[in-house]
């Protein structure tokens, strides 16, 4: 079982959709808290399901409960907390809310976690993917 991750920032629409298709992604799982920002461009939540389907027959699921809270994200972005503190708090949030417990493992096979960050190194999608890999034994590929 393979779980992919991708961020849309600094990708053209062509690069983004081609990466997904080339990898064989079957569905995108959107784990962003804010899907409506103008900065999201082609990845706006209202347009993305259609574009995924039209460009590659890729499905779409939204799991906002897997996103960091707005307060936590703001604390990190305004540098009130360091990455290490964000990581600890995010993982605690996932545990406290039991957000993972209701997930269907089969939804994540050949799926791709979507967030905005360009790379996965300092993004909650990496943290979530690593947690799911521990639970389910999935291979993680960052696109």
C-alpha atoms as a PDB file:
ATOM      1  CA  UNK A   1       0.000   0.000   0.000  1.00  0.00           C
ATOM      2  CA  UNK A   2       1.382   3.385  -1.013  1.00  0.00           C
ATOM      3  CA  UNK A   3       0.365   6.765   0.386  1.00  0.00           C
ATOM      4  CA  UNK A   4       1.500   9.857  -1.493  1.00  0.00           C
ATOM      5  CA  UNK A   5       1.717  13.462  -0.322  1.00  0.00           C
ATOM      6  CA  UNK A   6       1.824  16.690  -2.305  1.00  0.00           C
ATOM      7  CA  UNK A   7       1.661  20.437  -1.758  1.00  0.00           C
ATOM      8  CA  UNK A   8       0.348  22.702  -4.489  1.00  0.00           C
ATOM      9  CA  UNK A   9       2.481  25.770  -3.742  1.00  0.00           C
ATOM     10  CA  UNK A  10       5.019  26.650  -6.448  1.00  0.00           C
ATOM     11  CA  UNK A  11       3.528  24.131  -8.888  1.00  0.00           C
ATOM     12  CA  UNK A  12       1.804  25.049 -12.098  1.00  0.00           C
ATOM     13  CA  UNK A  13      -1.517  23.299 -12.627  1.00  0.00           C
ATOM     14  CA  UNK A  14       0.120  21.179 -15.323  1.00  0.00           C
ATOM     15  CA  UNK A  15       2.977  20.083 -13.027  1.00  0.00           C
ATOM     16  CA  UNK A  16       0.592  19.331 -10.187  1.00  0.00           C
ATOM     17  CA  UNK A  17      -1.875  17.203 -12.157  1.00  0.00           C
ATOM     18  CA  UNK A  18       0.867  15.435 -14.138  1.00  0.00           C
ATOM     19  CA  UNK A  19       2.660  14.434 -10.919  1.00  0.00           C
ATOM     20  CA  UNK A  20      -0.536  12.898  -9.590  1.00  0.00           C
ATOM     21  CA  UNK A  21      -1.308  11.057 -12.830  1.00  0.00           C
ATOM     22  CA  UNK A  22       2.271   9.822 -13.320  1.00  0.00           C
ATOM     23  CA  UNK A  23       2.346   8.402  -9.787  1.00  0.00           C
ATOM     24  CA  UNK A  24      -0.919   6.537 -10.318  1.00  0.00           C
ATOM     25  CA  UNK A  25      -2.793   8.423  -7.602  1.00  0.00           C
ATOM     26  CA  UNK A  26      -6.414   7.284  -7.444  1.00  0.00           C
ATOM     27  CA  UNK A  27      -7.752   9.920  -5.046  1.00  0.00           C
ATOM     28  CA  UNK A  28      -6.614  13.121  -3.379  1.00  0.00           C
ATOM     29  CA  UNK A  29      -7.358  13.509   0.306  1.00  0.00           C
ATOM     30  CA  UNK A  30      -7.495  17.196   1.117  1.00  0.00           C
ATOM     31  CA  UNK A  31      -6.270  17.811   4.668  1.00  0.00           C
ATOM     32  CA  UNK A  32      -6.285  21.611   4.583  1.00  0.00           C
ATOM     33  CA  UNK A  33      -8.287  23.739   6.983  1.00  0.00           C
ATOM     34  CA  UNK A  34      -8.669  26.585   4.463  1.00  0.00           C
ATOM     35  CA  UNK A  35      -9.667  25.477   0.982  1.00  0.00           C
ATOM     36  CA  UNK A  36     -11.115  28.749  -0.311  1.00  0.00           C
ATOM     37  CA  UNK A  37      -8.162  31.149  -0.349  1.00  0.00           C
ATOM     38  CA  UNK A  38      -7.473  33.004  -3.596  1.00  0.00           C
ATOM     39  CA  UNK A  39      -3.876  31.863  -3.140  1.00  0.00           C
ATOM     40  CA  UNK A  40      -5.039  28.289  -3.707  1.00  0.00           C
ATOM     41  CA  UNK A  41      -5.568  29.048  -7.419  1.00  0.00           C
ATOM     42  CA  UNK A  42      -6.282  25.711  -9.181  1.00  0.00           C
ATOM     43  CA  UNK A  43      -6.390  23.920  -5.808  1.00  0.00           C
ATOM     44  CA  UNK A  44      -9.430  25.804  -4.474  1.00  0.00           C
ATOM     45  CA  UNK A  45     -11.705  23.334  -2.756  1.00  0.00           C
ATOM     46  CA  UNK A  46     -14.697  24.195  -4.924  1.00  0.00           C
ATOM     47  CA  UNK A  47     -12.803  23.591  -8.202  1.00  0.00           C
ATOM     48  CA  UNK A  48     -10.364  20.854  -7.274  1.00  0.00           C
ATOM     49  CA  UNK A  49     -12.728  17.843  -7.335  1.00  0.00           C
ATOM     50  CA  UNK A  50     -13.773  18.677 -10.898  1.00  0.00           C
ATOM     51  CA  UNK A  51     -10.218  19.363 -12.098  1.00  0.00           C
ATOM     52  CA  UNK A  52      -8.923  16.100 -10.615  1.00  0.00           C
ATOM     53  CA  UNK A  53     -11.691  14.122 -12.277  1.00  0.00           C
ATOM     54  CA  UNK A  54     -11.351  15.934 -15.619  1.00  0.00           C
ATOM     55  CA  UNK A  55      -7.556  15.792 -15.882  1.00  0.00           C
ATOM     56  CA  UNK A  56      -6.908  12.292 -14.616  1.00  0.00           C
ATOM     57  CA  UNK A  57     -10.024  10.537 -13.389  1.00  0.00           C
ATOM     58  CA  UNK A  58      -8.774  11.114  -9.832  1.00  0.00           C
ATOM     59  CA  UNK A  59     -11.220  11.079  -6.925  1.00  0.00           C
ATOM     60  CA  UNK A  60     -11.398  13.625  -4.110  1.00  0.00           C
ATOM     61  CA  UNK A  61     -12.056  13.360  -0.383  1.00  0.00           C
ATOM     62  CA  UNK A  62     -11.939  16.131   2.200  1.00  0.00           C
ATOM     63  CA  UNK A  63     -10.763  15.462   5.743  1.00  0.00           C
ATOM     64  CA  UNK A  64     -10.460  18.887   7.374  1.00  0.00           C
ATOM     65  CA  UNK A  65     -10.462  17.206  10.788  1.00  0.00           C
ATOM     66  CA  UNK A  66      -6.904  16.089   9.964  1.00  0.00           C
ATOM     67  CA  UNK A  67      -5.715  19.685   9.528  1.00  0.00           C
ATOM     68  CA  UNK A  68      -4.077  21.612  12.345  1.00  0.00           C
ATOM     69  CA  UNK A  69      -6.387  24.061  14.077  1.00  0.00           C
ATOM     70  CA  UNK A  70      -6.358  27.643  12.816  1.00  0.00           C
ATOM     71  CA  UNK A  71      -4.816  28.738  16.113  1.00  0.00           C
ATOM     72  CA  UNK A  72      -2.000  26.204  15.912  1.00  0.00           C
ATOM     73  CA  UNK A  73      -1.256  27.038  12.294  1.00  0.00           C
ATOM     74  CA  UNK A  74      -1.246  30.765  13.045  1.00  0.00           C
ATOM     75  CA  UNK A  75       1.129  30.268  15.990  1.00  0.00           C
ATOM     76  CA  UNK A  76       3.607  28.509  13.736  1.00  0.00           C
ATOM     77  CA  UNK A  77       3.283  30.890  10.792  1.00  0.00           C
ATOM     78  CA  UNK A  78       3.757  33.961  12.991  1.00  0.00           C
ATOM     79  CA  UNK A  79       6.786  32.263  14.587  1.00  0.00           C
ATOM     80  CA  UNK A  80       5.228  32.233  18.059  1.00  0.00           C
ATOM     81  CA  UNK A  81       6.214  28.575  18.181  1.00  0.00           C
ATOM     82  CA  UNK A  82       9.011  26.635  16.480  1.00  0.00           C
ATOM     83  CA  UNK A  83       8.466  23.680  14.166  1.00  0.00           C
ATOM     84  CA  UNK A  84       9.251  21.198  16.944  1.00  0.00           C
ATOM     85  CA  UNK A  85       6.482  22.664  19.120  1.00  0.00           C
ATOM     86  CA  UNK A  86       4.061  22.666  16.177  1.00  0.00           C
ATOM     87  CA  UNK A  87       4.872  19.014  15.529  1.00  0.00           C
ATOM     88  CA  UNK A  88       4.248  18.054  19.161  1.00  0.00           C
ATOM     89  CA  UNK A  89       0.989  20.002  19.371  1.00  0.00           C
ATOM     90  CA  UNK A  90      -0.313  18.704  16.044  1.00  0.00           C
ATOM     91  CA  UNK A  91       0.330  15.084  16.993  1.00  0.00           C
ATOM     92  CA  UNK A  92      -1.367  15.721  20.353  1.00  0.00           C
ATOM     93  CA  UNK A  93      -4.337  17.264  18.539  1.00  0.00           C
ATOM     94  CA  UNK A  94      -4.654  14.153  16.366  1.00  0.00           C
ATOM     95  CA  UNK A  95      -4.566  11.944  19.467  1.00  0.00           C
ATOM     96  CA  UNK A  96      -6.976  14.096  21.504  1.00  0.00           C
ATOM     97  CA  UNK A  97      -9.580  14.395  18.742  1.00  0.00           C
ATOM     98  CA  UNK A  98      -9.276  10.739  17.712  1.00  0.00           C
ATOM     99  CA  UNK A  99      -9.415  12.035  14.136  1.00  0.00           C
ATOM    100  CA  UNK A 100      -7.624   8.974  12.796  1.00  0.00           C
ATOM    101  CA  UNK A 101      -9.776   6.366  14.516  1.00  0.00           C
ATOM    102  CA  UNK A 102     -12.695   6.716  12.102  1.00  0.00           C
ATOM    103  CA  UNK A 103     -10.653   6.630   8.910  1.00  0.00           C
ATOM    104  CA  UNK A 104     -11.141   3.906   6.329  1.00  0.00           C
ATOM    105  CA  UNK A 105      -7.747   2.404   5.470  1.00  0.00           C
ATOM    106  CA  UNK A 106      -8.844   1.490   1.939  1.00  0.00           C
ATOM    107  CA  UNK A 107      -9.535   5.180   1.183  1.00  0.00           C
ATOM    108  CA  UNK A 108      -5.827   5.846   1.660  1.00  0.00           C
ATOM    109  CA  UNK A 109      -4.475   3.149  -0.690  1.00  0.00           C
ATOM    110  CA  UNK A 110      -2.970   4.880  -3.745  1.00  0.00           C
ATOM    111  CA  UNK A 111      -4.226   8.160  -2.295  1.00  0.00           C
ATOM    112  CA  UNK A 112      -2.386  11.449  -1.933  1.00  0.00           C
ATOM    113  CA  UNK A 113      -2.556  13.751   1.088  1.00  0.00           C
ATOM    114  CA  UNK A 114      -2.881  17.345  -0.104  1.00  0.00           C
ATOM    115  CA  UNK A 115      -1.728  20.474   1.654  1.00  0.00           C
ATOM    116  CA  UNK A 116      -0.331  23.797   0.513  1.00  0.00           C
ATOM    117  CA  UNK A 117       3.297  23.573   1.652  1.00  0.00           C
ATOM    118  CA  UNK A 118       5.785  23.178  -1.194  1.00  0.00           C
ATOM    119  CA  UNK A 119       7.738  20.418   0.551  1.00  0.00           C
ATOM    120  CA  UNK A 120       6.732  17.842   3.127  1.00  0.00           C
ATOM    121  CA  UNK A 121       9.596  18.363   5.563  1.00  0.00           C
ATOM    122  CA  UNK A 122       7.799  20.988   7.657  1.00  0.00           C
ATOM    123  CA  UNK A 123       4.202  20.184   6.862  1.00  0.00           C
ATOM    124  CA  UNK A 124       1.492  18.362   8.778  1.00  0.00           C
ATOM    125  CA  UNK A 125       0.917  16.070   5.785  1.00  0.00           C
ATOM    126  CA  UNK A 126       4.276  14.412   6.484  1.00  0.00           C
ATOM    127  CA  UNK A 127       3.435  13.999  10.160  1.00  0.00           C
ATOM    128  CA  UNK A 128       0.067  12.482   9.336  1.00  0.00           C
ATOM    129  CA  UNK A 129       1.538  10.194   6.673  1.00  0.00           C
ATOM    130  CA  UNK A 130       4.149   8.956   9.145  1.00  0.00           C
ATOM    131  CA  UNK A 131       1.452   8.253  11.743  1.00  0.00           C
ATOM    132  CA  UNK A 132      -0.600   6.315   9.185  1.00  0.00           C
ATOM    133  CA  UNK A 133       2.521   4.409   8.110  1.00  0.00           C
ATOM    134  CA  UNK A 134       3.062   3.329  11.733  1.00  0.00           C
ATOM    135  CA  UNK A 135      -0.548   2.189  12.030  1.00  0.00           C
ATOM    136  CA  UNK A 136      -1.046   0.575   8.647  1.00  0.00           C
ATOM    137  CA  UNK A 137       2.440  -0.187   7.337  1.00  0.00           C
ATOM    138  CA  UNK A 138       2.071   2.014   4.258  1.00  0.00           C
ATOM    139  CA  UNK A 139       4.915   3.210   2.078  1.00  0.00           C
ATOM    140  CA  UNK A 140       5.118   7.023   1.887  1.00  0.00           C
ATOM    141  CA  UNK A 141       6.083   8.830  -1.315  1.00  0.00           C
ATOM    142  CA  UNK A 142       6.333  12.624  -1.276  1.00  0.00           C
ATOM    143  CA  UNK A 143       5.623  14.035  -4.749  1.00  0.00           C
END
